[in-house]
Amino acid sequence: MNTYNNIMRLFWLTLSIALFIIVTYMCFTKGFEKWAFYYVFVAVGFTMYFFKTWMMKRMEKHLQFLKEKQESANK
């Protein structure tokens, strides 16, 4: 599961960076007014990346808590 989480986290980061580059290029070539709305998708991608990172850290802390709880119950 950890491998899947890392792959998905990198997927969102890569997608966000690629979208940022593409949208910025299209803004300069086709016009900012027409392509500015697509920055919303860039923001969603970065939000998903940070959310995924936060959730992974949260899950690690929770697993550590469960492990400590299990160890204290066995004593």
N, C-alpha and C. Protein backbone atom coordinates (compact mmCIF):
# COMPACT_ATOMS: atom_id res chain seq x y z
N MET A 1 0.82 -1.19 0.00
CA MET A 1 0.00 0.00 0.00
C MET A 1 0.86 1.26 0.00
N ASN A 2 2.01 1.17 0.65
CA ASN A 2 2.90 2.32 0.69
C ASN A 2 3.42 2.67 -0.70
N THR A 3 3.70 1.67 -1.51
CA THR A 3 4.16 1.91 -2.88
C THR A 3 3.08 2.61 -3.68
N TYR A 4 1.85 2.15 -3.54
CA TYR A 4 0.74 2.78 -4.25
C TYR A 4 0.59 4.24 -3.84
N ASN A 5 0.68 4.51 -2.55
CA ASN A 5 0.55 5.89 -2.07
C ASN A 5 1.65 6.78 -2.61
N ASN A 6 2.86 6.29 -2.64
CA ASN A 6 3.97 7.08 -3.19
C ASN A 6 3.79 7.33 -4.69
N ILE A 7 3.33 6.32 -5.42
CA ILE A 7 3.11 6.49 -6.86
C ILE A 7 2.02 7.53 -7.10
N MET A 8 0.93 7.45 -6.35
CA MET A 8 -0.16 8.41 -6.54
C MET A 8 0.25 9.82 -6.13
N ARG A 9 1.07 9.92 -5.09
CA ARG A 9 1.55 11.25 -4.68
C ARG A 9 2.41 11.86 -5.77
N LEU A 10 3.31 11.07 -6.34
CA LEU A 10 4.13 11.57 -7.44
C LEU A 10 3.31 11.83 -8.69
N PHE A 11 2.27 11.05 -8.92
CA PHE A 11 1.38 11.29 -10.05
C PHE A 11 0.74 12.67 -9.96
N TRP A 12 0.21 13.02 -8.77
CA TRP A 12 -0.43 14.32 -8.63
C TRP A 12 0.57 15.46 -8.77
N LEU A 13 1.77 15.28 -8.26
CA LEU A 13 2.78 16.32 -8.40
C LEU A 13 3.18 16.49 -9.86
N THR A 14 3.42 15.39 -10.56
CA THR A 14 3.80 15.45 -11.97
C THR A 14 2.69 16.05 -12.81
N LEU A 15 1.46 15.63 -12.56
CA LEU A 15 0.32 16.17 -13.30
C LEU A 15 0.19 17.67 -13.08
N SER A 16 0.36 18.11 -11.86
CA SER A 16 0.23 19.53 -11.54
C SER A 16 1.30 20.36 -12.25
N ILE A 17 2.52 19.87 -12.22
CA ILE A 17 3.62 20.60 -12.87
C ILE A 17 3.41 20.64 -14.37
N ALA A 18 3.03 19.51 -14.96
CA ALA A 18 2.79 19.46 -16.40
C ALA A 18 1.64 20.39 -16.80
N LEU A 19 0.56 20.35 -16.03
CA LEU A 19 -0.57 21.24 -16.33
C LEU A 19 -0.18 22.70 -16.19
N PHE A 20 0.61 23.03 -15.20
CA PHE A 20 1.05 24.41 -15.02
C PHE A 20 1.85 24.88 -16.24
N ILE A 21 2.75 24.04 -16.70
CA ILE A 21 3.57 24.41 -17.86
C ILE A 21 2.70 24.56 -19.11
N ILE A 22 1.80 23.62 -19.33
CA ILE A 22 0.93 23.67 -20.51
C ILE A 22 0.01 24.87 -20.48
N VAL A 23 -0.64 25.10 -19.34
CA VAL A 23 -1.58 26.22 -19.25
C VAL A 23 -0.85 27.56 -19.38
N THR A 24 0.31 27.68 -18.78
CA THR A 24 1.08 28.91 -18.89
C THR A 24 1.50 29.15 -20.33
N TYR A 25 1.95 28.12 -21.01
CA TYR A 25 2.31 28.26 -22.42
C TYR A 25 1.11 28.69 -23.26
N MET A 26 -0.04 28.05 -23.03
CA MET A 26 -1.24 28.39 -23.79
C MET A 26 -1.72 29.81 -23.47
N CYS A 27 -1.53 30.26 -22.24
CA CYS A 27 -1.90 31.63 -21.90
C CYS A 27 -1.08 32.64 -22.69
N PHE A 28 0.20 32.36 -22.85
CA PHE A 28 1.05 33.29 -23.58
C PHE A 28 0.80 33.23 -25.08
N THR A 29 0.46 32.07 -25.60
CA THR A 29 0.28 31.95 -27.05
C THR A 29 -1.15 32.22 -27.52
N LYS A 30 -2.15 31.78 -26.77
CA LYS A 30 -3.55 31.90 -27.21
C LYS A 30 -4.31 33.02 -26.52
N GLY A 31 -3.79 33.52 -25.43
CA GLY A 31 -4.47 34.61 -24.73
C GLY A 31 -4.83 34.21 -23.31
N PHE A 32 -4.54 35.11 -22.40
CA PHE A 32 -4.74 34.82 -20.99
C PHE A 32 -6.22 34.69 -20.65
N GLU A 33 -7.05 35.51 -21.27
CA GLU A 33 -8.49 35.50 -20.95
C GLU A 33 -9.12 34.15 -21.23
N LYS A 34 -8.66 33.49 -22.29
CA LYS A 34 -9.25 32.22 -22.69
C LYS A 34 -8.76 31.05 -21.83
N TRP A 35 -7.53 31.09 -21.36
CA TRP A 35 -6.92 29.94 -20.69
C TRP A 35 -6.73 30.12 -19.19
N ALA A 36 -7.06 31.26 -18.64
CA ALA A 36 -6.83 31.51 -17.21
C ALA A 36 -7.65 30.57 -16.33
N PHE A 37 -8.84 30.19 -16.79
CA PHE A 37 -9.69 29.31 -16.00
C PHE A 37 -9.02 27.97 -15.73
N TYR A 38 -8.16 27.51 -16.61
CA TYR A 38 -7.55 26.19 -16.46
C TYR A 38 -6.55 26.12 -15.31
N TYR A 39 -6.20 27.26 -14.74
CA TYR A 39 -5.36 27.23 -13.55
C TYR A 39 -6.08 26.60 -12.37
N VAL A 40 -7.39 26.52 -12.45
CA VAL A 40 -8.17 25.82 -11.41
C VAL A 40 -7.74 24.36 -11.35
N PHE A 41 -7.52 23.74 -12.49
CA PHE A 41 -7.09 22.34 -12.53
C PHE A 41 -5.68 22.17 -11.97
N VAL A 42 -4.84 23.16 -12.18
CA VAL A 42 -3.50 23.14 -11.59
C VAL A 42 -3.62 23.20 -10.07
N ALA A 43 -4.48 24.07 -9.58
CA ALA A 43 -4.68 24.19 -8.13
C ALA A 43 -5.25 22.89 -7.54
N VAL A 44 -6.16 22.26 -8.26
CA VAL A 44 -6.72 20.98 -7.78
C VAL A 44 -5.63 19.92 -7.71
N GLY A 45 -4.76 19.88 -8.71
CA GLY A 45 -3.67 18.91 -8.71
C GLY A 45 -2.72 19.11 -7.54
N PHE A 46 -2.32 20.36 -7.29
CA PHE A 46 -1.44 20.63 -6.16
C PHE A 46 -2.14 20.36 -4.83
N THR A 47 -3.43 20.65 -4.76
CA THR A 47 -4.18 20.37 -3.55
C THR A 47 -4.22 18.87 -3.28
N MET A 48 -4.43 18.08 -4.31
CA MET A 48 -4.44 16.62 -4.15
C MET A 48 -3.07 16.11 -3.71
N TYR A 49 -2.00 16.69 -4.25
CA TYR A 49 -0.66 16.29 -3.85
C TYR A 49 -0.43 16.55 -2.36
N PHE A 50 -0.77 17.76 -1.90
CA PHE A 50 -0.57 18.09 -0.49
C PHE A 50 -1.51 17.30 0.41
N PHE A 51 -2.72 17.06 -0.05
CA PHE A 51 -3.66 16.25 0.73
C PHE A 51 -3.15 14.82 0.86
N LYS A 52 -2.63 14.26 -0.22
CA LYS A 52 -2.10 12.90 -0.20
C LYS A 52 -0.90 12.82 0.75
N THR A 53 -0.02 13.80 0.71
CA THR A 53 1.14 13.83 1.60
C THR A 53 0.70 13.91 3.06
N TRP A 54 -0.26 14.76 3.34
CA TRP A 54 -0.78 14.92 4.70
C TRP A 54 -1.41 13.62 5.20
N MET A 55 -2.19 12.98 4.35
CA MET A 55 -2.86 11.75 4.75
C MET A 55 -1.85 10.62 4.97
N MET A 56 -0.79 10.57 4.17
CA MET A 56 0.23 9.54 4.37
C MET A 56 0.92 9.72 5.72
N LYS A 57 1.26 10.96 6.08
CA LYS A 57 1.88 11.22 7.38
C LYS A 57 0.92 10.88 8.52
N ARG A 58 -0.34 11.22 8.33
CA ARG A 58 -1.35 10.94 9.34
C ARG A 58 -1.50 9.43 9.54
N MET A 59 -1.50 8.68 8.44
CA MET A 59 -1.64 7.23 8.53
C MET A 59 -0.43 6.60 9.22
N GLU A 60 0.77 7.10 8.94
CA GLU A 60 1.97 6.59 9.60
C GLU A 60 1.89 6.81 11.11
N LYS A 61 1.43 7.99 11.52
CA LYS A 61 1.29 8.26 12.96
C LYS A 61 0.23 7.35 13.57
N HIS A 62 -0.84 7.11 12.85
CA HIS A 62 -1.90 6.25 13.37
C HIS A 62 -1.41 4.80 13.50
N LEU A 63 -0.68 4.32 12.52
CA LEU A 63 -0.14 2.96 12.59
C LEU A 63 0.84 2.82 13.75
N GLN A 64 1.64 3.86 13.97
CA GLN A 64 2.57 3.84 15.10
C GLN A 64 1.80 3.81 16.42
N PHE A 65 0.73 4.58 16.49
CA PHE A 65 -0.12 4.57 17.69
C PHE A 65 -0.71 3.19 17.94
N LEU A 66 -1.22 2.56 16.89
CA LEU A 66 -1.80 1.22 17.03
C LEU A 66 -0.76 0.20 17.46
N LYS A 67 0.45 0.35 16.92
CA LYS A 67 1.54 -0.57 17.30
C LYS A 67 1.89 -0.40 18.77
N GLU A 68 2.00 0.83 19.22
CA GLU A 68 2.30 1.07 20.64
C GLU A 68 1.17 0.57 21.53
N LYS A 69 -0.05 0.76 21.10
CA LYS A 69 -1.20 0.29 21.87
C LYS A 69 -1.19 -1.23 21.97
N GLN A 70 -0.87 -1.91 20.88
CA GLN A 70 -0.80 -3.36 20.86
C GLN A 70 0.33 -3.87 21.77
N GLU A 71 1.47 -3.18 21.73
CA GLU A 71 2.59 -3.58 22.58
C GLU A 71 2.27 -3.38 24.06
N SER A 72 1.58 -2.31 24.39
CA SER A 72 1.23 -2.09 25.79
C SER A 72 0.16 -3.06 26.26
N ALA A 73 -0.70 -3.51 25.36
CA ALA A 73 -1.73 -4.49 25.74
C ALA A 73 -1.12 -5.86 25.95
N ASN A 74 -0.02 -6.18 25.28
CA ASN A 74 0.64 -7.47 25.42
C ASN A 74 1.47 -7.57 26.70
N LYS A 75 1.79 -6.46 27.30
CA LYS A 75 2.62 -6.47 28.51
C LYS A 75 1.83 -6.76 29.74
